Amino acid sequence: MKKIIHTKGICRNICITAAALFLTGCGGSGSDPLDPSDPVSLTVWHYYNGSQQAAFDELVEQFNETVGKERGIYVQSYSQGSVPDLESAVRDSIAGKVGAEPMPDIFSSYADTAYEVEQAGALADLSRYLSEEELSRYVDSYVEEGCIAADGTLRIFPTAKSTEILMINRTDWEPFAQATGASLEDLKTMEGVTAVAQAYYEWTDALTPDVEGDGRAFYGRDAMANYFIIGMRQLGVEIFQVENGQVTLNMPREALYRIWENYYVPMVKGYFGAYGKFRSDDVKTGDLLAYTGSTTSAMYFPNQVELDNSAYAIDYMVMAAPVFAGGEQYAVQQGAGMVVGKSDEKHEYASVEFLKWFTEADHNLQFGCEAGYLPVLKEANSRGMLDQNIADQGLEVMPKTYDCLTVVFEEMGDFALYTNKSFENGSAARKVLEYNLADQAAADRESVVRAMEQGKSLEEAAAAYVTEEAFERWYRSFCSALEQSIDRQE
């Protein structure tokens, strides 16, 4: 099933390869408007909190005391609390709402939000301040993601990225694996994860033979939109295909059946689960053993499982995120970049100079080690460079974060990173992916649980929800919801 929707003001994809990207006007400004005797002050808005905010603020202070002082740039950073809070503050600034803060010089932004701000004409053309040689140092796909302007020029500066990994409670995995023969090899595919999750449910159910249907969930995942976008890409489909001013929705029944079969079905049967705000929370409460989540989530993986009246320490394992069996090796590319508000040449130039400094290998790896992000320069994406910077700077890195980064650098070396291109109403479409199937699965799981409480077996209680007819009903409603999200008028 395909639907093609024409959009207005869409970014033209004229950058097919990295070389083409660098030929679209990225030539550097050629002059330095900075004057140390008349320093320029820059405001940065971001959504970092906790250790991430501390790491960013530390680097801002380091910049101000060194290069910033020498060149006449002073940076002040402010956390807006969360991504939605930041996006709301930016929209209020652009709209000139009463009480809104002035537009910052720099702010963190995901591609969909940056696209909205670009359509309002409020973003600076960063290509003016970067040479082809400078751009060629950055990971090609990161640069391509930032070329959202209609003419293909750069609007989002890549500053820190992440992908997804599989985190596992090793302590509770090992007795299960020894008892059932489950293997870590099984967890390399989504179908394998589904099969292992069923085996875990049945094994835990059998531990209490006097109580039927009390098996426990094995696996969950954060960011359902990523499951759709990357899962479909692994199966050879771009669910959002943006080209030549058009968005094509690709919704083939066969691919979406595999998406449904390996999330909805195990969720309804209790093999998968989602209970707290994040799946790392569910590992902490003992409700899950494993989850797929962002590399930045590694630092939140718990050190112990906390039950109602007891707690016990756990170890962990990190693996590459599972891929659909027979699918292509794709992993999600995510993480906000930084955009620069359109102003005058001095502020724009100074903003780019700070961002170039922040993304130098030693600074970017320092931030990544403390915040769990991947560096954006090609040269920095290796275990050797990571180890060298840890030694040279005396960095203290959490073992979970270190293991997560090295898994990405080494085990995922053959993976291609992917993110869909921005388009009008892209945020609304992503919300459909995030909630449509997940909400349906959660509601139907509750119905299954109620039926089991009334004496039905799991198979009897779940039977009506896992049929071909049930899939067809969901498929039609999903396609309709996705089409409406794209067609809606703002």
Protein backbone atom coordinates (compact mmCIF):
# COMPACT_ATOMS: atom_id res chain seq x y z
CA MET A 1 0.00 0.00 0.00
CA LYS A 2 1.41 3.35 -1.04
CA LYS A 3 0.16 6.87 -0.79
CA ILE A 4 1.92 9.90 -2.30
CA ILE A 5 1.29 13.27 -0.72
CA HIS A 6 2.44 16.56 -2.24
CA THR A 7 3.87 18.98 0.29
CA LYS A 8 4.61 22.70 0.12
CA GLY A 9 8.06 24.11 0.73
CA ILE A 10 9.61 20.68 1.12
CA CYS A 11 13.38 20.34 1.32
CA ARG A 12 14.74 19.07 -2.00
CA ASN A 13 17.00 16.05 -1.70
CA ILE A 14 19.76 17.22 -4.02
CA CYS A 15 22.50 15.66 -1.88
CA ILE A 16 22.80 12.02 -2.92
CA THR A 17 26.34 11.38 -1.71
CA ALA A 18 28.69 13.10 0.71
CA ALA A 19 30.58 14.59 -2.21
CA ALA A 20 27.37 16.07 -3.59
CA LEU A 21 26.57 17.48 -0.18
CA PHE A 22 29.84 19.32 -0.01
CA LEU A 23 29.27 20.89 -3.42
CA THR A 24 26.01 22.59 -2.42
CA GLY A 25 27.47 25.88 -1.38
CA CYS A 26 29.53 24.84 1.64
CA GLY A 27 32.49 27.04 0.97
CA GLY A 28 33.33 28.92 4.18
CA SER A 29 32.81 32.62 4.77
CA GLY A 30 36.33 33.76 4.01
CA SER A 31 36.46 36.51 6.66
CA ASP A 32 36.68 36.71 10.44
CA PRO A 33 34.35 39.33 11.96
CA LEU A 34 35.42 38.59 15.55
CA ASP A 35 37.21 41.17 17.71
CA PRO A 36 38.60 40.11 21.13
CA SER A 37 38.31 43.69 22.33
CA ASP A 38 34.59 43.66 21.55
CA PRO A 39 33.47 40.11 22.44
CA VAL A 40 30.19 38.67 21.19
CA SER A 41 27.89 36.95 23.68
CA LEU A 42 26.05 33.80 22.59
CA THR A 43 23.07 32.11 24.24
CA VAL A 44 22.61 28.34 23.91
CA TRP A 45 19.39 26.51 24.78
CA HIS A 46 19.45 22.74 25.24
CA TYR A 47 17.49 19.96 26.92
CA TYR A 48 20.36 18.29 28.82
CA ASN A 49 19.86 17.42 32.47
CA GLY A 50 21.91 15.76 35.20
CA SER A 51 25.27 14.41 34.08
CA GLN A 52 24.66 15.48 30.48
CA GLN A 53 24.08 19.08 31.51
CA ALA A 54 27.13 19.02 33.78
CA ALA A 55 29.28 17.68 30.94
CA PHE A 56 28.04 20.32 28.51
CA ASP A 57 28.44 23.18 30.98
CA GLU A 58 31.98 22.03 31.77
CA LEU A 59 32.92 22.22 28.10
CA VAL A 60 31.26 25.62 27.70
CA GLU A 61 33.33 26.92 30.61
CA GLN A 62 36.47 25.42 29.09
CA PHE A 63 35.73 27.13 25.77
CA ASN A 64 35.08 30.50 27.41
CA GLU A 65 38.37 30.35 29.32
CA THR A 66 40.49 29.41 26.28
CA VAL A 67 39.50 29.82 22.64
CA GLY A 68 36.50 31.97 23.46
CA LYS A 69 38.62 34.41 25.46
CA GLU A 70 41.28 34.56 22.74
CA ARG A 71 38.83 35.17 19.92
CA GLY A 72 36.15 37.25 21.62
CA ILE A 73 33.29 34.75 22.10
CA TYR A 74 31.42 34.20 25.35
CA VAL A 75 28.88 31.38 25.56
CA GLN A 76 26.07 31.05 28.12
CA SER A 77 24.08 27.80 28.20
CA TYR A 78 20.63 27.20 29.63
CA SER A 79 18.68 23.96 30.01
CA GLN A 80 15.02 24.25 29.06
CA GLY A 81 14.22 21.08 31.02
CA SER A 82 13.07 18.63 28.36
CA VAL A 83 12.79 18.29 24.59
CA PRO A 84 9.09 19.32 24.54
CA ASP A 85 9.84 22.28 26.83
CA LEU A 86 12.67 23.39 24.57
CA GLU A 87 10.55 23.06 21.42
CA SER A 88 7.73 25.02 23.05
CA ALA A 89 10.11 27.80 24.12
CA VAL A 90 11.51 28.07 20.59
CA ARG A 91 8.06 28.22 19.01
CA ASP A 92 6.98 30.89 21.50
CA SER A 93 10.08 32.96 20.65
CA ILE A 94 9.46 32.72 16.92
CA ALA A 95 5.79 33.63 17.38
CA GLY A 96 6.70 36.58 19.60
CA LYS A 97 4.35 35.51 22.37
CA VAL A 98 4.02 37.76 25.39
CA GLY A 99 6.56 36.74 28.01
CA ALA A 100 8.59 34.59 25.63
CA GLU A 101 12.38 34.79 25.80
CA PRO A 102 14.23 36.21 22.78
CA MET A 103 15.34 33.64 20.22
CA PRO A 104 18.66 32.08 21.33
CA ASP A 105 21.73 32.20 19.11
CA ILE A 106 22.03 28.40 19.24
CA PHE A 107 19.63 25.69 20.32
CA SER A 108 19.41 21.91 20.30
CA SER A 109 16.97 20.60 17.75
CA TYR A 110 15.76 17.40 16.18
CA ALA A 111 15.26 17.44 12.44
CA ASP A 112 11.46 17.75 12.47
CA THR A 113 11.52 20.81 14.73
CA ALA A 114 14.41 22.36 12.81
CA TYR A 115 12.42 21.88 9.62
CA GLU A 116 9.50 23.85 11.11
CA VAL A 117 11.83 26.67 12.18
CA GLU A 118 13.51 26.65 8.79
CA GLN A 119 10.11 27.03 7.10
CA ALA A 120 9.61 30.14 9.23
CA GLY A 121 12.87 31.53 7.83
CA ALA A 122 14.53 31.69 11.24
CA LEU A 123 17.63 29.51 10.75
CA ALA A 124 21.08 30.58 9.59
CA ASP A 125 22.74 28.98 6.56
CA LEU A 126 25.68 27.19 8.20
CA SER A 127 27.18 26.29 4.82
CA ARG A 128 28.46 29.86 4.55
CA TYR A 129 30.81 29.29 7.48
CA LEU A 130 32.16 25.81 6.70
CA SER A 131 34.55 24.77 3.99
CA GLU A 132 34.24 21.55 1.99
CA GLU A 133 37.32 20.24 3.80
CA GLU A 134 35.79 20.97 7.21
CA LEU A 135 32.50 19.28 6.33
CA SER A 136 34.25 16.22 4.94
CA ARG A 137 35.52 15.39 8.44
CA TYR A 138 32.00 14.76 9.72
CA VAL A 139 30.12 11.48 9.30
CA ASP A 140 28.40 11.77 5.93
CA SER A 141 24.92 10.75 7.07
CA TYR A 142 25.04 13.27 9.92
CA VAL A 143 25.73 16.09 7.48
CA GLU A 144 23.06 14.87 5.08
CA GLU A 145 20.48 14.87 7.88
CA GLY A 146 21.24 18.54 8.52
CA CYS A 147 20.79 19.71 4.92
CA ILE A 148 17.09 20.48 5.32
CA ALA A 149 16.92 23.78 3.42
CA ALA A 150 15.10 23.89 0.09
CA ASP A 151 18.40 24.46 -1.71
CA GLY A 152 20.14 21.62 0.14
CA THR A 153 22.36 23.80 2.30
CA LEU A 154 23.20 22.95 5.91
CA ARG A 155 20.93 24.06 8.73
CA ILE A 156 21.59 21.50 11.50
CA PHE A 157 25.15 21.25 12.83
CA PRO A 158 25.88 17.64 13.92
CA THR A 159 27.07 17.81 17.53
CA ALA A 160 26.29 14.49 19.23
CA LYS A 161 24.47 11.41 17.98
CA SER A 162 23.16 8.14 19.30
CA THR A 163 21.83 4.84 18.03
CA GLU A 164 20.10 1.88 19.65
CA ILE A 165 21.58 -1.11 21.46
CA LEU A 166 20.30 -4.14 23.36
CA MET A 167 20.83 -4.05 27.14
CA ILE A 168 20.49 -7.29 29.11
CA ASN A 169 20.33 -8.21 32.79
CA ARG A 170 23.16 -10.78 32.73
CA THR A 171 22.54 -11.96 36.29
CA ASP A 172 19.02 -13.20 35.59
CA TRP A 173 19.75 -14.21 32.00
CA GLU A 174 22.33 -16.83 32.93
CA PRO A 175 20.15 -19.21 35.00
CA PHE A 176 17.41 -18.96 32.38
CA ALA A 177 19.86 -19.70 29.57
CA GLN A 178 21.37 -22.65 31.45
CA ALA A 179 17.94 -24.13 32.13
CA THR A 180 16.49 -23.69 28.64
CA GLY A 181 19.45 -23.58 26.25
CA ALA A 182 18.65 -20.03 25.18
CA SER A 183 21.60 -18.38 23.44
CA LEU A 184 22.76 -14.82 22.97
CA GLU A 185 22.88 -15.65 19.26
CA ASP A 186 19.08 -15.88 19.39
CA LEU A 187 18.92 -12.23 20.40
CA LYS A 188 20.49 -11.00 17.16
CA THR A 189 17.14 -11.09 15.33
CA MET A 190 13.71 -9.78 16.26
CA GLU A 191 12.23 -13.19 15.57
CA GLY A 192 14.81 -14.71 17.90
CA VAL A 193 13.96 -12.20 20.63
CA THR A 194 10.27 -13.09 20.28
CA ALA A 195 11.03 -16.82 20.58
CA VAL A 196 13.31 -16.30 23.60
CA ALA A 197 10.68 -14.10 25.25
CA GLN A 198 8.09 -16.85 24.87
CA ALA A 199 10.52 -19.40 26.32
CA TYR A 200 11.23 -17.07 29.27
CA TYR A 201 7.53 -16.55 29.94
CA GLU A 202 6.91 -20.29 29.91
CA TRP A 203 9.98 -21.01 32.08
CA THR A 204 9.02 -18.44 34.73
CA ASP A 205 5.42 -19.64 34.63
CA ALA A 206 6.59 -23.20 35.32
CA LEU A 207 8.55 -22.05 38.40
CA THR A 208 5.22 -21.72 40.21
CA PRO A 209 3.22 -24.77 39.02
CA ASP A 210 0.44 -24.07 41.51
CA VAL A 211 -0.23 -20.68 39.86
CA GLU A 212 -1.18 -20.66 36.18
CA GLY A 213 -0.44 -17.78 33.83
CA ASP A 214 2.07 -15.92 36.02
CA GLY A 215 4.92 -15.99 33.52
CA ARG A 216 7.02 -12.86 33.27
CA ALA A 217 7.89 -10.64 30.32
CA PHE A 218 11.41 -10.80 28.94
CA TYR A 219 11.80 -7.83 26.59
CA GLY A 220 10.60 -4.32 25.88
CA ARG A 221 11.67 -1.36 23.82
CA ASP A 222 11.79 2.40 24.01
CA ALA A 223 10.87 4.59 21.01
CA MET A 224 8.28 2.62 19.06
CA ALA A 225 8.65 5.03 16.13
CA ASN A 226 12.21 3.77 15.72
CA TYR A 227 10.93 0.18 15.69
CA PHE A 228 8.72 1.03 12.71
CA ILE A 229 11.19 3.21 10.81
CA ILE A 230 14.25 0.99 11.27
CA GLY A 231 12.35 -2.30 11.18
CA MET A 232 10.78 -1.38 7.86
CA ARG A 233 14.14 -0.18 6.52
CA GLN A 234 15.69 -3.52 7.47
CA LEU A 235 12.90 -5.16 5.49
CA GLY A 236 13.72 -3.04 2.43
CA VAL A 237 11.07 -0.33 2.89
CA GLU A 238 11.30 3.39 3.62
CA ILE A 239 8.04 4.08 5.40
CA PHE A 240 8.57 7.83 4.83
CA GLN A 241 10.20 8.37 1.45
CA VAL A 242 10.92 12.02 0.70
CA GLU A 243 12.01 12.93 -2.81
CA ASN A 244 11.46 15.75 -5.30
CA GLY A 245 9.05 17.65 -3.08
CA GLN A 246 6.86 14.64 -2.30
CA VAL A 247 6.35 12.36 0.68
CA THR A 248 5.50 8.78 -0.17
CA LEU A 249 3.99 6.63 2.57
CA ASN A 250 5.09 3.05 2.01
CA MET A 251 2.90 0.66 3.99
CA PRO A 252 3.23 -2.84 2.47
CA ARG A 253 1.06 -5.40 4.24
CA GLU A 254 3.75 -8.10 4.38
CA ALA A 255 6.36 -5.90 6.09
CA LEU A 256 3.88 -4.43 8.54
CA TYR A 257 2.68 -7.93 9.40
CA ARG A 258 6.20 -8.77 10.57
CA ILE A 259 6.27 -5.55 12.60
CA TRP A 260 2.91 -6.49 14.18
CA GLU A 261 3.82 -10.14 14.69
CA ASN A 262 7.01 -9.30 16.55
CA TYR A 263 5.65 -6.61 18.83
CA TYR A 264 1.88 -6.69 19.20
CA VAL A 265 1.52 -10.48 19.48
CA PRO A 266 4.20 -10.97 22.18
CA MET A 267 2.92 -7.88 24.01
CA VAL A 268 -0.64 -9.22 24.11
CA LYS A 269 0.61 -12.60 25.32
CA GLY A 270 2.80 -11.07 28.03
CA TYR A 271 6.13 -12.10 26.51
CA PHE A 272 7.05 -8.42 26.02
CA GLY A 273 6.22 -5.64 28.45
CA ALA A 274 6.11 -1.87 29.01
CA TYR A 275 5.32 -0.67 32.52
CA GLY A 276 7.36 2.36 33.64
CA LYS A 277 8.27 5.50 31.74
CA PHE A 278 11.35 3.84 30.26
CA ARG A 279 12.29 0.20 29.84
CA SER A 280 15.36 0.66 32.06
CA ASP A 281 12.83 1.37 34.83
CA ASP A 282 11.22 -2.01 34.09
CA VAL A 283 14.56 -3.78 34.43
CA LYS A 284 15.05 -2.09 37.78
CA THR A 285 11.72 -3.42 39.07
CA GLY A 286 12.44 -6.92 37.75
CA ASP A 287 9.63 -6.77 35.18
CA LEU A 288 11.98 -7.15 32.18
CA LEU A 289 15.34 -8.76 31.50
CA ALA A 290 16.26 -6.93 28.30
CA TYR A 291 15.32 -3.93 26.20
CA THR A 292 16.23 -2.04 23.06
CA GLY A 293 16.98 1.60 23.79
CA SER A 294 19.24 4.51 22.99
CA THR A 295 22.96 4.36 23.65
CA THR A 296 22.37 7.27 26.02
CA SER A 297 20.17 5.00 28.16
CA ALA A 298 23.13 2.81 29.13
CA MET A 299 23.98 5.06 32.05
CA TYR A 300 20.48 4.50 33.43
CA PHE A 301 20.65 0.71 33.32
CA PRO A 302 20.17 -0.27 36.97
CA ASN A 303 22.82 -1.77 39.23
CA GLN A 304 20.21 -3.76 41.09
CA VAL A 305 16.71 -5.14 40.86
CA GLU A 306 14.43 -3.66 43.51
CA LEU A 307 11.50 -5.83 44.54
CA ASP A 308 8.78 -4.96 47.03
CA ASN A 309 10.66 -6.24 50.06
CA SER A 310 14.16 -6.95 48.79
CA ALA A 311 16.84 -6.03 46.27
CA TYR A 312 19.77 -7.75 44.62
CA ALA A 313 22.71 -6.60 42.51
CA ILE A 314 22.81 -7.37 38.79
CA ASP A 315 25.44 -7.32 36.07
CA TYR A 316 24.75 -6.30 32.47
CA MET A 317 25.57 -7.09 28.85
CA VAL A 318 25.45 -4.85 25.78
CA MET A 319 24.74 -6.14 22.28
CA ALA A 320 23.86 -4.66 18.91
CA ALA A 321 20.13 -4.04 18.54
CA PRO A 322 18.33 -6.99 16.91
CA VAL A 323 17.61 -6.99 13.16
CA PHE A 324 14.73 -8.71 11.41
CA ALA A 325 15.77 -12.14 10.14
CA GLY A 326 17.13 -11.86 6.61
CA GLY A 327 16.93 -8.07 6.82
CA GLU A 328 19.53 -5.47 5.94
CA GLN A 329 21.93 -4.20 8.60
CA TYR A 330 20.38 -0.86 9.47
CA ALA A 331 20.40 0.90 12.84
CA VAL A 332 18.72 4.13 13.82
CA GLN A 333 20.57 7.43 13.61
CA GLN A 334 19.19 9.81 16.21
CA GLY A 335 20.10 12.63 18.53
CA ALA A 336 19.54 16.34 18.22
CA GLY A 337 22.02 18.61 16.54
CA MET A 338 22.48 22.34 17.07
CA VAL A 339 20.93 25.03 14.91
CA VAL A 340 21.86 28.69 14.73
CA GLY A 341 19.23 31.41 14.68
CA LYS A 342 19.36 33.79 11.73
CA SER A 343 20.86 37.07 12.91
CA ASP A 344 23.99 38.99 11.86
CA GLU A 345 27.24 37.66 10.46
CA LYS A 346 29.18 38.17 13.69
CA HIS A 347 26.78 36.11 15.82
CA GLU A 348 26.33 33.42 13.20
CA TYR A 349 30.08 33.13 12.59
CA ALA A 350 30.84 32.99 16.32
CA SER A 351 28.16 30.33 16.82
CA VAL A 352 29.70 28.08 14.17
CA GLU A 353 33.17 28.60 15.63
CA PHE A 354 31.91 27.38 19.02
CA LEU A 355 30.20 24.37 17.42
CA LYS A 356 33.35 23.45 15.49
CA TRP A 357 35.34 23.60 18.72
CA PHE A 358 32.74 21.53 20.59
CA THR A 359 32.84 18.80 17.94
CA GLU A 360 36.62 18.44 17.83
CA ALA A 361 37.49 14.85 18.71
CA ASP A 362 38.86 15.45 22.20
CA HIS A 363 35.97 17.69 23.28
CA ASN A 364 33.26 15.60 21.61
CA LEU A 365 34.57 12.35 23.07
CA GLN A 366 34.76 13.98 26.49
CA PHE A 367 31.09 14.88 26.19
CA GLY A 368 30.21 11.46 24.80
CA CYS A 369 31.99 9.63 27.59
CA GLU A 370 30.01 11.50 30.21
CA ALA A 371 26.68 11.78 28.35
CA GLY A 372 26.59 8.54 26.35
CA TYR A 373 26.61 10.14 22.88
CA LEU A 374 28.55 9.13 19.79
CA PRO A 375 31.10 11.59 18.40
CA VAL A 376 30.34 13.18 15.04
CA LEU A 377 33.78 13.30 13.40
CA LYS A 378 34.77 10.27 11.34
CA GLU A 379 38.20 10.13 12.99
CA ALA A 380 36.68 9.99 16.50
CA ASN A 381 34.50 6.93 15.89
CA SER A 382 36.90 4.22 16.98
CA ARG A 383 37.82 2.40 20.14
CA GLY A 384 41.44 3.46 19.69
CA MET A 385 40.56 7.15 19.65
CA LEU A 386 38.21 6.64 22.59
CA ASP A 387 40.88 4.91 24.66
CA GLN A 388 43.48 7.52 23.73
CA ASN A 389 41.25 10.40 24.84
CA ILE A 390 40.34 8.66 28.08
CA ALA A 391 44.04 8.25 28.85
CA ASP A 392 45.13 11.71 27.67
CA GLN A 393 42.37 13.57 29.50
CA GLY A 394 42.16 11.31 32.53
CA LEU A 395 38.43 10.85 31.94
CA GLU A 396 36.33 8.79 34.32
CA VAL A 397 33.91 6.79 32.19
CA MET A 398 31.10 4.62 33.50
CA PRO A 399 31.76 1.01 32.42
CA LYS A 400 28.24 0.77 30.94
CA THR A 401 28.80 3.84 28.79
CA TYR A 402 32.23 2.63 27.70
CA ASP A 403 30.91 -0.82 26.79
CA CYS A 404 28.00 0.73 24.94
CA LEU A 405 30.26 2.98 22.85
CA THR A 406 32.70 0.20 22.04
CA VAL A 407 29.86 -2.11 20.94
CA VAL A 408 28.77 0.58 18.51
CA PHE A 409 32.32 1.18 17.26
CA GLU A 410 33.17 -2.52 16.85
CA GLU A 411 30.16 -4.83 16.64
CA MET A 412 28.07 -2.36 14.65
CA GLY A 413 30.78 -1.45 12.19
CA ASP A 414 28.85 -3.08 9.34
CA PHE A 415 25.58 -1.35 10.18
CA ALA A 416 24.34 1.59 8.13
CA LEU A 417 22.84 4.41 10.20
CA TYR A 418 19.49 5.64 8.95
CA THR A 419 16.98 8.37 9.73
CA ASN A 420 14.12 9.50 7.56
CA LYS A 421 14.30 12.92 5.95
CA SER A 422 12.20 15.74 7.35
CA PHE A 423 8.84 16.65 5.86
CA GLU A 424 5.78 18.72 6.65
CA ASN A 425 3.75 17.22 9.52
CA GLY A 426 6.57 14.77 10.18
CA SER A 427 6.17 15.16 13.95
CA ALA A 428 2.49 14.20 13.74
CA ALA A 429 3.29 11.17 11.61
CA ARG A 430 5.96 10.04 14.04
CA LYS A 431 3.44 10.20 16.90
CA VAL A 432 1.27 7.71 15.02
CA LEU A 433 4.21 5.33 14.87
CA GLU A 434 4.99 5.94 18.52
CA TYR A 435 1.55 5.33 19.98
CA ASN A 436 -0.82 3.60 17.55
CA LEU A 437 0.34 0.00 17.89
CA ALA A 438 1.74 0.38 21.42
CA ASP A 439 -1.53 1.73 22.81
CA GLN A 440 -3.52 -0.99 21.04
CA ALA A 441 -1.24 -3.68 22.44
CA ALA A 442 -1.43 -2.30 25.98
CA ALA A 443 -5.23 -2.11 25.92
CA ASP A 444 -5.61 -5.60 24.48
CA ARG A 445 -3.13 -7.03 26.98
CA GLU A 446 -5.34 -5.72 29.79
CA SER A 447 -8.29 -7.52 28.24
CA VAL A 448 -6.29 -10.75 28.02
CA VAL A 449 -5.25 -10.45 31.67
CA ARG A 450 -8.86 -9.94 32.75
CA ALA A 451 -9.93 -13.02 30.79
CA MET A 452 -7.18 -15.06 32.44
CA GLU A 453 -8.32 -13.86 35.86
CA GLN A 454 -11.72 -15.28 35.01
CA GLY A 455 -10.22 -18.72 34.41
CA LYS A 456 -9.19 -18.76 30.75
CA SER A 457 -5.78 -20.03 29.68
CA LEU A 458 -3.37 -17.64 27.97
CA GLU A 459 -4.04 -19.18 24.58
CA GLU A 460 -7.80 -18.96 25.05
CA ALA A 461 -7.66 -15.39 26.31
CA ALA A 462 -5.35 -14.17 23.53
CA ALA A 463 -6.88 -16.16 20.66
CA ALA A 464 -9.14 -13.43 19.30
CA TYR A 465 -6.32 -10.86 19.25
CA VAL A 466 -3.68 -12.72 17.26
CA THR A 467 -5.60 -13.77 14.16
CA GLU A 468 -5.15 -12.64 10.55
CA GLU A 469 -8.46 -10.79 10.90
CA ALA A 470 -7.16 -8.89 13.93
CA PHE A 471 -4.09 -7.86 11.97
CA GLU A 472 -6.22 -6.68 9.05
CA ARG A 473 -8.33 -4.50 11.35
CA TRP A 474 -5.23 -2.92 12.85
CA TYR A 475 -3.55 -2.54 9.46
CA ARG A 476 -6.48 -0.61 7.99
CA SER A 477 -6.78 1.66 11.03
CA PHE A 478 -3.02 2.26 11.14
CA CYS A 479 -2.80 3.21 7.47
CA SER A 480 -5.75 5.57 7.87
CA ALA A 481 -4.24 7.23 10.96
CA LEU A 482 -0.88 7.71 9.24
CA GLU A 483 -2.47 9.20 6.13
CA GLN A 484 -4.54 11.61 8.21
CA SER A 485 -1.48 12.75 10.17
CA ILE A 486 0.24 13.75 6.92
CA ASP A 487 -2.82 15.35 5.36
CA ARG A 488 -3.79 17.48 8.35
CA GLN A 489 -3.71 21.25 8.02
CA GLU A 490 -1.81 23.17 10.69
